[in-house]
Amino acid sequence: MRWTKFEDYFFKGLLTLGSLAILAMMVVVSFNIFGRWLDRPIMGAIEIAGLLGGVAAAVALPYAVRERRNVVVDVLASRMPRRVRGFFDTFTFLLSLAGVGILVYAAFKQARFAASFGEETLVVSAPTSPVKFIWAIGLLLLALLLVRDIVIAFRKGMKR
């Protein structure tokens, strides 16, 4: 499948963001462990690591779907005719889109709620709404990629 240069740069930017989040999480956890030896642990290290993990997961999901790195059970599907497989793929992508659509709605609703009330973490008082918005945007990207996959699978099912 051919990708546009914009899409390539966009997903490379997302991967960079996710990589930086994982790197920052690693630094926080490492310094927290080292600080415990010196009786000076990092306050809120678990909260910070959790927020950074949310960012990393939000960008990893759409990338995995784009690169088709997710797990597909191919035992039964590989024995089906191309047309039947295309229709089954379309159906499963539609089910996935329905579930992800519900998650997108709930994630944006929760992010707006957190932003309007100034929701913060308990220990370090970091705002949670930016991470919740990043998570919602990651789910929205996942939904858009599923729509693209539905179109591709449907076309595959319509070919003779």
N, C-alpha and C. Protein backbone atom coordinates (compact mmCIF):
# COMPACT_ATOMS: atom_id res chain seq x y z
N MET A 1 0.84 -1.18 0.00
CA MET A 1 0.00 0.00 0.00
C MET A 1 0.88 1.25 0.00
N ARG A 2 0.51 2.24 -0.78
CA ARG A 2 1.32 3.44 -0.92
C ARG A 2 0.80 4.52 0.02
N TRP A 3 1.71 5.15 0.72
CA TRP A 3 1.35 6.20 1.68
C TRP A 3 1.85 7.54 1.15
N THR A 4 1.14 8.58 1.48
CA THR A 4 1.58 9.91 1.10
C THR A 4 2.72 10.35 2.02
N LYS A 5 3.49 11.30 1.54
CA LYS A 5 4.61 11.79 2.36
C LYS A 5 4.11 12.44 3.64
N PHE A 6 2.98 13.14 3.55
CA PHE A 6 2.43 13.77 4.75
C PHE A 6 2.10 12.72 5.80
N GLU A 7 1.47 11.64 5.37
CA GLU A 7 1.10 10.58 6.31
C GLU A 7 2.34 9.95 6.93
N ASP A 8 3.37 9.75 6.11
CA ASP A 8 4.62 9.20 6.64
C ASP A 8 5.22 10.12 7.70
N TYR A 9 5.30 11.41 7.41
CA TYR A 9 5.85 12.36 8.38
C TYR A 9 4.97 12.44 9.63
N PHE A 10 3.66 12.41 9.43
CA PHE A 10 2.74 12.48 10.56
C PHE A 10 2.96 11.31 11.51
N PHE A 11 3.02 10.10 10.97
CA PHE A 11 3.20 8.94 11.83
C PHE A 11 4.61 8.86 12.41
N LYS A 12 5.60 9.37 11.69
CA LYS A 12 6.95 9.45 12.27
C LYS A 12 6.96 10.43 13.44
N GLY A 13 6.20 11.51 13.32
CA GLY A 13 6.07 12.44 14.44
C GLY A 13 5.39 11.80 15.63
N LEU A 14 4.34 11.01 15.36
CA LEU A 14 3.67 10.30 16.44
C LEU A 14 4.61 9.31 17.11
N LEU A 15 5.39 8.59 16.30
CA LEU A 15 6.34 7.64 16.87
C LEU A 15 7.39 8.35 17.71
N THR A 16 7.82 9.51 17.25
CA THR A 16 8.79 10.29 18.03
C THR A 16 8.18 10.70 19.37
N LEU A 17 6.93 11.16 19.34
CA LEU A 17 6.24 11.53 20.58
C LEU A 17 6.13 10.34 21.52
N GLY A 18 5.72 9.19 20.99
CA GLY A 18 5.62 7.99 21.81
C GLY A 18 6.96 7.54 22.35
N SER A 19 7.99 7.63 21.53
CA SER A 19 9.33 7.25 21.98
C SER A 19 9.84 8.17 23.07
N LEU A 20 9.58 9.46 22.92
CA LEU A 20 9.99 10.41 23.95
C LEU A 20 9.23 10.15 25.26
N ALA A 21 7.96 9.78 25.15
CA ALA A 21 7.18 9.47 26.36
C ALA A 21 7.75 8.24 27.06
N ILE A 22 8.11 7.22 26.29
CA ILE A 22 8.69 6.01 26.89
C ILE A 22 10.06 6.32 27.48
N LEU A 23 10.85 7.14 26.78
CA LEU A 23 12.16 7.53 27.31
C LEU A 23 12.02 8.30 28.62
N ALA A 24 11.08 9.24 28.66
CA ALA A 24 10.85 10.02 29.88
C ALA A 24 10.36 9.11 31.01
N MET A 25 9.49 8.15 30.67
CA MET A 25 9.01 7.21 31.67
C MET A 25 10.18 6.38 32.22
N MET A 26 11.07 5.96 31.35
CA MET A 26 12.24 5.19 31.78
C MET A 26 13.13 6.01 32.70
N VAL A 27 13.32 7.29 32.37
CA VAL A 27 14.17 8.16 33.19
C VAL A 27 13.54 8.36 34.56
N VAL A 28 12.23 8.61 34.59
CA VAL A 28 11.55 8.84 35.87
C VAL A 28 11.64 7.59 36.75
N VAL A 29 11.35 6.43 36.17
CA VAL A 29 11.38 5.20 36.96
C VAL A 29 12.81 4.90 37.42
N SER A 30 13.79 5.10 36.55
CA SER A 30 15.19 4.83 36.92
C SER A 30 15.66 5.75 38.05
N PHE A 31 15.35 7.05 37.91
CA PHE A 31 15.75 7.99 38.96
C PHE A 31 14.98 7.73 40.26
N ASN A 32 13.76 7.26 40.14
CA ASN A 32 12.99 6.93 41.33
C ASN A 32 13.65 5.75 42.06
N ILE A 33 14.05 4.74 41.31
CA ILE A 33 14.73 3.59 41.93
C ILE A 33 16.04 4.03 42.56
N PHE A 34 16.83 4.83 41.83
CA PHE A 34 18.09 5.32 42.36
C PHE A 34 17.85 6.20 43.59
N GLY A 35 16.79 7.03 43.53
CA GLY A 35 16.46 7.90 44.66
C GLY A 35 16.05 7.12 45.90
N ARG A 36 15.44 5.99 45.71
CA ARG A 36 15.06 5.16 46.87
C ARG A 36 16.29 4.64 47.61
N TRP A 37 17.35 4.36 46.87
CA TRP A 37 18.60 3.94 47.53
C TRP A 37 19.15 5.05 48.41
N LEU A 38 18.96 6.30 47.97
CA LEU A 38 19.46 7.46 48.73
C LEU A 38 18.40 8.02 49.68
N ASP A 39 17.30 7.32 49.83
CA ASP A 39 16.19 7.76 50.67
C ASP A 39 15.54 9.05 50.14
N ARG A 40 15.58 9.27 48.84
CA ARG A 40 14.98 10.44 48.20
C ARG A 40 14.23 10.01 46.92
N PRO A 41 13.12 9.26 47.07
CA PRO A 41 12.38 8.86 45.86
C PRO A 41 11.69 10.06 45.21
N ILE A 42 11.35 9.94 43.97
CA ILE A 42 10.64 11.00 43.25
C ILE A 42 9.16 10.95 43.65
N MET A 43 8.66 12.06 44.14
CA MET A 43 7.25 12.13 44.52
C MET A 43 6.38 12.04 43.27
N GLY A 44 5.43 11.16 43.28
CA GLY A 44 4.50 11.02 42.16
C GLY A 44 5.07 10.29 40.96
N ALA A 45 6.11 9.51 41.16
CA ALA A 45 6.72 8.81 40.03
C ALA A 45 5.73 7.88 39.34
N ILE A 46 4.88 7.24 40.12
CA ILE A 46 3.89 6.33 39.53
C ILE A 46 2.88 7.11 38.70
N GLU A 47 2.45 8.27 39.19
CA GLU A 47 1.51 9.11 38.43
C GLU A 47 2.14 9.58 37.13
N ILE A 48 3.36 10.07 37.22
CA ILE A 48 4.05 10.57 36.03
C ILE A 48 4.24 9.45 35.01
N ALA A 49 4.68 8.29 35.47
CA ALA A 49 4.87 7.15 34.57
C ALA A 49 3.54 6.72 33.95
N GLY A 50 2.47 6.76 34.71
CA GLY A 50 1.15 6.41 34.18
C GLY A 50 0.69 7.37 33.11
N LEU A 51 0.88 8.67 33.32
CA LEU A 51 0.50 9.67 32.31
C LEU A 51 1.32 9.48 31.04
N LEU A 52 2.62 9.26 31.21
CA LEU A 52 3.48 9.05 30.04
C LEU A 52 3.13 7.75 29.31
N GLY A 53 2.74 6.73 30.06
CA GLY A 53 2.30 5.48 29.43
C GLY A 53 1.03 5.67 28.62
N GLY A 54 0.14 6.53 29.10
CA GLY A 54 -1.07 6.83 28.35
C GLY A 54 -0.76 7.50 27.02
N VAL A 55 0.21 8.41 27.02
CA VAL A 55 0.62 9.06 25.78
C VAL A 55 1.23 8.04 24.82
N ALA A 56 2.11 7.19 25.33
CA ALA A 56 2.75 6.18 24.48
C ALA A 56 1.73 5.23 23.87
N ALA A 57 0.77 4.78 24.66
CA ALA A 57 -0.25 3.86 24.15
C ALA A 57 -1.15 4.53 23.12
N ALA A 58 -1.45 5.81 23.33
CA ALA A 58 -2.33 6.53 22.42
C ALA A 58 -1.74 6.65 21.02
N VAL A 59 -0.43 6.76 20.91
CA VAL A 59 0.18 6.86 19.59
C VAL A 59 0.57 5.49 19.03
N ALA A 60 0.70 4.50 19.89
CA ALA A 60 1.08 3.17 19.42
C ALA A 60 -0.08 2.45 18.74
N LEU A 61 -1.29 2.64 19.23
CA LEU A 61 -2.45 1.95 18.65
C LEU A 61 -2.67 2.28 17.17
N PRO A 62 -2.78 3.57 16.81
CA PRO A 62 -2.99 3.86 15.38
C PRO A 62 -1.82 3.40 14.51
N TYR A 63 -0.61 3.53 15.02
CA TYR A 63 0.56 3.11 14.24
C TYR A 63 0.53 1.60 13.99
N ALA A 64 0.16 0.83 15.00
CA ALA A 64 0.10 -0.63 14.84
C ALA A 64 -0.94 -1.03 13.80
N VAL A 65 -2.07 -0.33 13.78
CA VAL A 65 -3.10 -0.63 12.78
C VAL A 65 -2.63 -0.21 11.39
N ARG A 66 -1.98 0.93 11.29
CA ARG A 66 -1.49 1.40 9.99
C ARG A 66 -0.49 0.43 9.40
N GLU A 67 0.39 -0.08 10.22
CA GLU A 67 1.44 -0.99 9.76
C GLU A 67 0.99 -2.44 9.74
N ARG A 68 -0.26 -2.67 10.13
CA ARG A 68 -0.82 -4.03 10.22
C ARG A 68 0.05 -4.92 11.11
N ARG A 69 0.44 -4.37 12.24
CA ARG A 69 1.25 -5.11 13.21
C ARG A 69 0.39 -5.71 14.31
N ASN A 70 -0.93 -5.56 14.17
CA ASN A 70 -1.81 -6.17 15.15
C ASN A 70 -1.99 -7.65 14.82
N VAL A 71 -2.49 -8.38 15.76
CA VAL A 71 -2.63 -9.83 15.60
C VAL A 71 -3.89 -10.14 14.80
N VAL A 72 -3.73 -10.95 13.78
CA VAL A 72 -4.85 -11.39 12.96
C VAL A 72 -4.84 -12.92 12.96
N VAL A 73 -5.98 -13.49 13.29
CA VAL A 73 -6.10 -14.95 13.27
C VAL A 73 -6.32 -15.34 11.82
N ASP A 74 -5.36 -16.03 11.24
CA ASP A 74 -5.37 -16.32 9.82
C ASP A 74 -5.61 -17.79 9.52
N VAL A 75 -5.82 -18.61 10.54
CA VAL A 75 -5.95 -20.05 10.32
C VAL A 75 -7.16 -20.36 9.45
N LEU A 76 -8.32 -19.82 9.81
CA LEU A 76 -9.54 -20.09 9.05
C LEU A 76 -9.64 -19.19 7.83
N ALA A 77 -9.27 -17.94 7.98
CA ALA A 77 -9.44 -16.97 6.91
C ALA A 77 -8.58 -17.29 5.69
N SER A 78 -7.43 -17.89 5.88
CA SER A 78 -6.55 -18.19 4.74
C SER A 78 -7.14 -19.25 3.84
N ARG A 79 -8.09 -20.03 4.33
CA ARG A 79 -8.72 -21.09 3.54
C ARG A 79 -9.98 -20.61 2.81
N MET A 80 -10.39 -19.38 3.10
CA MET A 80 -11.60 -18.85 2.47
C MET A 80 -11.27 -18.27 1.10
N PRO A 81 -12.26 -18.27 0.20
CA PRO A 81 -12.06 -17.57 -1.08
C PRO A 81 -11.86 -16.07 -0.83
N ARG A 82 -11.20 -15.42 -1.76
CA ARG A 82 -10.84 -14.01 -1.60
C ARG A 82 -12.07 -13.13 -1.33
N ARG A 83 -13.15 -13.39 -2.05
CA ARG A 83 -14.36 -12.58 -1.88
C ARG A 83 -14.97 -12.75 -0.50
N VAL A 84 -15.07 -13.99 -0.05
CA VAL A 84 -15.65 -14.27 1.27
C VAL A 84 -14.79 -13.64 2.36
N ARG A 85 -13.49 -13.76 2.19
CA ARG A 85 -12.58 -13.17 3.18
C ARG A 85 -12.72 -11.66 3.22
N GLY A 86 -12.90 -11.03 2.05
CA GLY A 86 -13.11 -9.58 2.00
C GLY A 86 -14.35 -9.16 2.76
N PHE A 87 -15.43 -9.93 2.61
CA PHE A 87 -16.66 -9.59 3.34
C PHE A 87 -16.52 -9.84 4.84
N PHE A 88 -15.84 -10.91 5.23
CA PHE A 88 -15.60 -11.15 6.66
C PHE A 88 -14.71 -10.06 7.25
N ASP A 89 -13.69 -9.66 6.49
CA ASP A 89 -12.83 -8.56 6.96
C ASP A 89 -13.64 -7.28 7.14
N THR A 90 -14.50 -6.99 6.17
CA THR A 90 -15.34 -5.79 6.26
C THR A 90 -16.21 -5.84 7.52
N PHE A 91 -16.82 -6.99 7.77
CA PHE A 91 -17.69 -7.16 8.94
C PHE A 91 -16.90 -6.96 10.24
N THR A 92 -15.72 -7.57 10.34
CA THR A 92 -14.94 -7.44 11.59
C THR A 92 -14.42 -6.02 11.77
N PHE A 93 -14.07 -5.35 10.66
CA PHE A 93 -13.64 -3.95 10.77
C PHE A 93 -14.81 -3.07 11.21
N LEU A 94 -16.02 -3.37 10.72
CA LEU A 94 -17.20 -2.61 11.14
C LEU A 94 -17.47 -2.80 12.63
N LEU A 95 -17.35 -4.03 13.12
CA LEU A 95 -17.51 -4.27 14.55
C LEU A 95 -16.45 -3.51 15.35
N SER A 96 -15.22 -3.55 14.88
CA SER A 96 -14.14 -2.82 15.55
C SER A 96 -14.41 -1.33 15.56
N LEU A 97 -14.88 -0.82 14.42
CA LEU A 97 -15.18 0.61 14.33
C LEU A 97 -16.30 0.99 15.29
N ALA A 98 -17.30 0.14 15.45
CA ALA A 98 -18.37 0.44 16.39
C ALA A 98 -17.83 0.54 17.81
N GLY A 99 -16.99 -0.41 18.20
CA GLY A 99 -16.41 -0.36 19.54
C GLY A 99 -15.50 0.83 19.74
N VAL A 100 -14.66 1.10 18.76
CA VAL A 100 -13.74 2.23 18.87
C VAL A 100 -14.51 3.55 18.82
N GLY A 101 -15.59 3.59 18.05
CA GLY A 101 -16.42 4.80 18.01
C GLY A 101 -16.99 5.14 19.38
N ILE A 102 -17.46 4.13 20.09
CA ILE A 102 -17.96 4.34 21.45
C ILE A 102 -16.84 4.84 22.35
N LEU A 103 -15.65 4.26 22.20
CA LEU A 103 -14.50 4.70 23.01
C LEU A 103 -14.10 6.13 22.69
N VAL A 104 -14.14 6.51 21.41
CA VAL A 104 -13.80 7.90 21.02
C VAL A 104 -14.76 8.87 21.69
N TYR A 105 -16.05 8.58 21.60
CA TYR A 105 -17.05 9.44 22.23
C TYR A 105 -16.79 9.57 23.73
N ALA A 106 -16.61 8.43 24.40
CA ALA A 106 -16.40 8.45 25.85
C ALA A 106 -15.09 9.16 26.22
N ALA A 107 -14.04 8.95 25.43
CA ALA A 107 -12.75 9.57 25.74
C ALA A 107 -12.82 11.09 25.61
N PHE A 108 -13.45 11.59 24.54
CA PHE A 108 -13.57 13.04 24.39
C PHE A 108 -14.47 13.63 25.47
N LYS A 109 -15.53 12.92 25.81
CA LYS A 109 -16.43 13.39 26.88
C LYS A 109 -15.67 13.48 28.20
N GLN A 110 -14.88 12.45 28.52
CA GLN A 110 -14.11 12.44 29.76
C GLN A 110 -13.02 13.52 29.74
N ALA A 111 -12.39 13.72 28.59
CA ALA A 111 -11.34 14.76 28.49
C ALA A 111 -11.94 16.15 28.69
N ARG A 112 -13.10 16.40 28.08
CA ARG A 112 -13.77 17.70 28.28
C ARG A 112 -14.15 17.90 29.74
N PHE A 113 -14.65 16.84 30.37
CA PHE A 113 -15.02 16.91 31.78
C PHE A 113 -13.80 17.23 32.63
N ALA A 114 -12.67 16.54 32.36
CA ALA A 114 -11.44 16.77 33.13
C ALA A 114 -10.93 18.19 32.92
N ALA A 115 -11.05 18.70 31.71
CA ALA A 115 -10.60 20.06 31.44
C ALA A 115 -11.49 21.10 32.09
N SER A 116 -12.79 20.87 32.06
CA SER A 116 -13.70 21.88 32.62
C SER A 116 -13.63 21.97 34.14
N PHE A 117 -13.31 20.87 34.79
CA PHE A 117 -13.22 20.87 36.25
C PHE A 117 -11.79 20.95 36.76
N GLY A 118 -10.82 21.03 35.85
CA GLY A 118 -9.42 21.14 36.27
C GLY A 118 -8.93 19.91 37.01
N GLU A 119 -9.32 18.74 36.54
CA GLU A 119 -8.92 17.49 37.20
C GLU A 119 -7.39 17.36 37.21
N GLU A 120 -6.86 16.96 38.37
CA GLU A 120 -5.41 16.82 38.55
C GLU A 120 -5.10 15.49 39.22
N THR A 121 -3.84 15.08 39.09
CA THR A 121 -3.40 13.88 39.80
C THR A 121 -3.28 14.22 41.29
N LEU A 122 -3.29 13.21 42.12
CA LEU A 122 -3.34 13.44 43.57
C LEU A 122 -2.03 13.94 44.16
N VAL A 123 -0.91 13.38 43.76
CA VAL A 123 0.36 13.69 44.43
C VAL A 123 1.03 14.93 43.85
N VAL A 124 1.22 14.97 42.53
CA VAL A 124 1.98 16.08 41.93
C VAL A 124 1.08 17.17 41.34
N SER A 125 -0.23 16.98 41.43
CA SER A 125 -1.21 17.95 40.92
C SER A 125 -1.00 18.30 39.45
N ALA A 126 -0.65 17.30 38.65
CA ALA A 126 -0.51 17.49 37.21
C ALA A 126 -1.89 17.39 36.57
N PRO A 127 -2.19 18.28 35.63
CA PRO A 127 -3.50 18.20 34.98
C PRO A 127 -3.61 16.93 34.14
N THR A 128 -4.75 16.27 34.21
CA THR A 128 -4.94 15.02 33.47
C THR A 128 -5.57 15.24 32.10
N SER A 129 -6.18 16.40 31.86
CA SER A 129 -6.90 16.61 30.61
C SER A 129 -6.00 16.54 29.36
N PRO A 130 -4.76 17.06 29.36
CA PRO A 130 -3.96 16.93 28.14
C PRO A 130 -3.73 15.47 27.74
N VAL A 131 -3.45 14.63 28.70
CA VAL A 131 -3.23 13.21 28.38
C VAL A 131 -4.53 12.58 27.92
N LYS A 132 -5.63 12.96 28.51
CA LYS A 132 -6.93 12.41 28.09
C LYS A 132 -7.28 12.86 26.68
N PHE A 133 -6.95 14.10 26.33
CA PHE A 133 -7.18 14.55 24.96
C PHE A 133 -6.26 13.82 23.97
N ILE A 134 -5.02 13.60 24.35
CA ILE A 134 -4.10 12.84 23.49
C ILE A 134 -4.64 11.42 23.28
N TRP A 135 -5.13 10.80 24.35
CA TRP A 135 -5.70 9.47 24.24
C TRP A 135 -6.92 9.47 23.30
N ALA A 136 -7.79 10.47 23.43
CA ALA A 136 -8.98 10.56 22.58
C ALA A 136 -8.59 10.77 21.11
N ILE A 137 -7.59 11.60 20.87
CA ILE A 137 -7.13 11.83 19.50
C ILE A 137 -6.52 10.55 18.92
N GLY A 138 -5.77 9.81 19.74
CA GLY A 138 -5.22 8.54 19.29
C GLY A 138 -6.33 7.56 18.91
N LEU A 139 -7.40 7.53 19.69
CA LEU A 139 -8.54 6.66 19.37
C LEU A 139 -9.24 7.14 18.10
N LEU A 140 -9.33 8.45 17.91
CA LEU A 140 -9.93 8.99 16.69
C LEU A 140 -9.11 8.60 15.46
N LEU A 141 -7.79 8.68 15.57
CA LEU A 141 -6.93 8.23 14.47
C LEU A 141 -7.14 6.75 14.19
N LEU A 142 -7.28 5.96 15.25
CA LEU A 142 -7.55 4.54 15.08
C LEU A 142 -8.86 4.33 14.33
N ALA A 143 -9.89 5.09 14.67
CA ALA A 143 -11.18 4.97 13.99
C ALA A 143 -11.05 5.34 12.51
N LEU A 144 -10.30 6.39 12.21
CA LEU A 144 -10.12 6.78 10.80
C LEU A 144 -9.38 5.70 10.01
N LEU A 145 -8.39 5.09 10.64
CA LEU A 145 -7.68 4.00 9.96
C LEU A 145 -8.59 2.79 9.76
N LEU A 146 -9.49 2.54 10.70
CA LEU A 146 -10.44 1.45 10.53
C LEU A 146 -11.41 1.73 9.38
N VAL A 147 -11.82 2.98 9.22
CA VAL A 147 -12.68 3.35 8.09
C VAL A 147 -11.95 3.07 6.78
N ARG A 148 -10.68 3.45 6.72
CA ARG A 148 -9.88 3.17 5.53
C ARG A 148 -9.79 1.67 5.27
N ASP A 149 -9.58 0.88 6.32
CA ASP A 149 -9.49 -0.57 6.17
C ASP A 149 -10.82 -1.19 5.74
N ILE A 150 -11.92 -0.60 6.18
CA ILE A 150 -13.24 -1.08 5.76
C ILE A 150 -13.39 -0.90 4.25
N VAL A 151 -13.01 0.27 3.76
CA VAL A 151 -13.11 0.53 2.31
C VAL A 151 -12.24 -0.44 1.53
N ILE A 152 -11.01 -0.68 2.00
CA ILE A 152 -10.10 -1.60 1.31
C ILE A 152 -10.65 -3.02 1.33
N ALA A 153 -11.15 -3.47 2.49
CA ALA A 153 -11.69 -4.83 2.59
C ALA A 153 -12.95 -4.98 1.74
N PHE A 154 -13.78 -3.94 1.70
CA PHE A 154 -14.99 -4.02 0.89
C PHE A 154 -14.64 -4.11 -0.59
N ARG A 155 -13.67 -3.33 -1.02
CA ARG A 155 -13.23 -3.41 -2.42
C ARG A 155 -12.68 -4.78 -2.75
N LYS A 156 -11.93 -5.35 -1.80
CA LYS A 156 -11.38 -6.69 -1.98
C LYS A 156 -12.51 -7.71 -2.09
N GLY A 157 -13.56 -7.54 -1.32
CA GLY A 157 -14.69 -8.45 -1.36
C GLY A 157 -15.50 -8.32 -2.63
N MET A 158 -15.49 -7.14 -3.26
CA MET A 158 -16.26 -6.92 -4.48
C MET A 158 -15.53 -7.42 -5.73
N LYS A 159 -14.21 -7.60 -5.64
CA LYS A 159 -13.45 -8.09 -6.81
C LYS A 159 -13.79 -9.55 -7.07
N ARG A 160 -13.71 -9.92 -8.30
CA ARG A 160 -13.97 -11.32 -8.67
C ARG A 160 -12.72 -12.11 -8.69
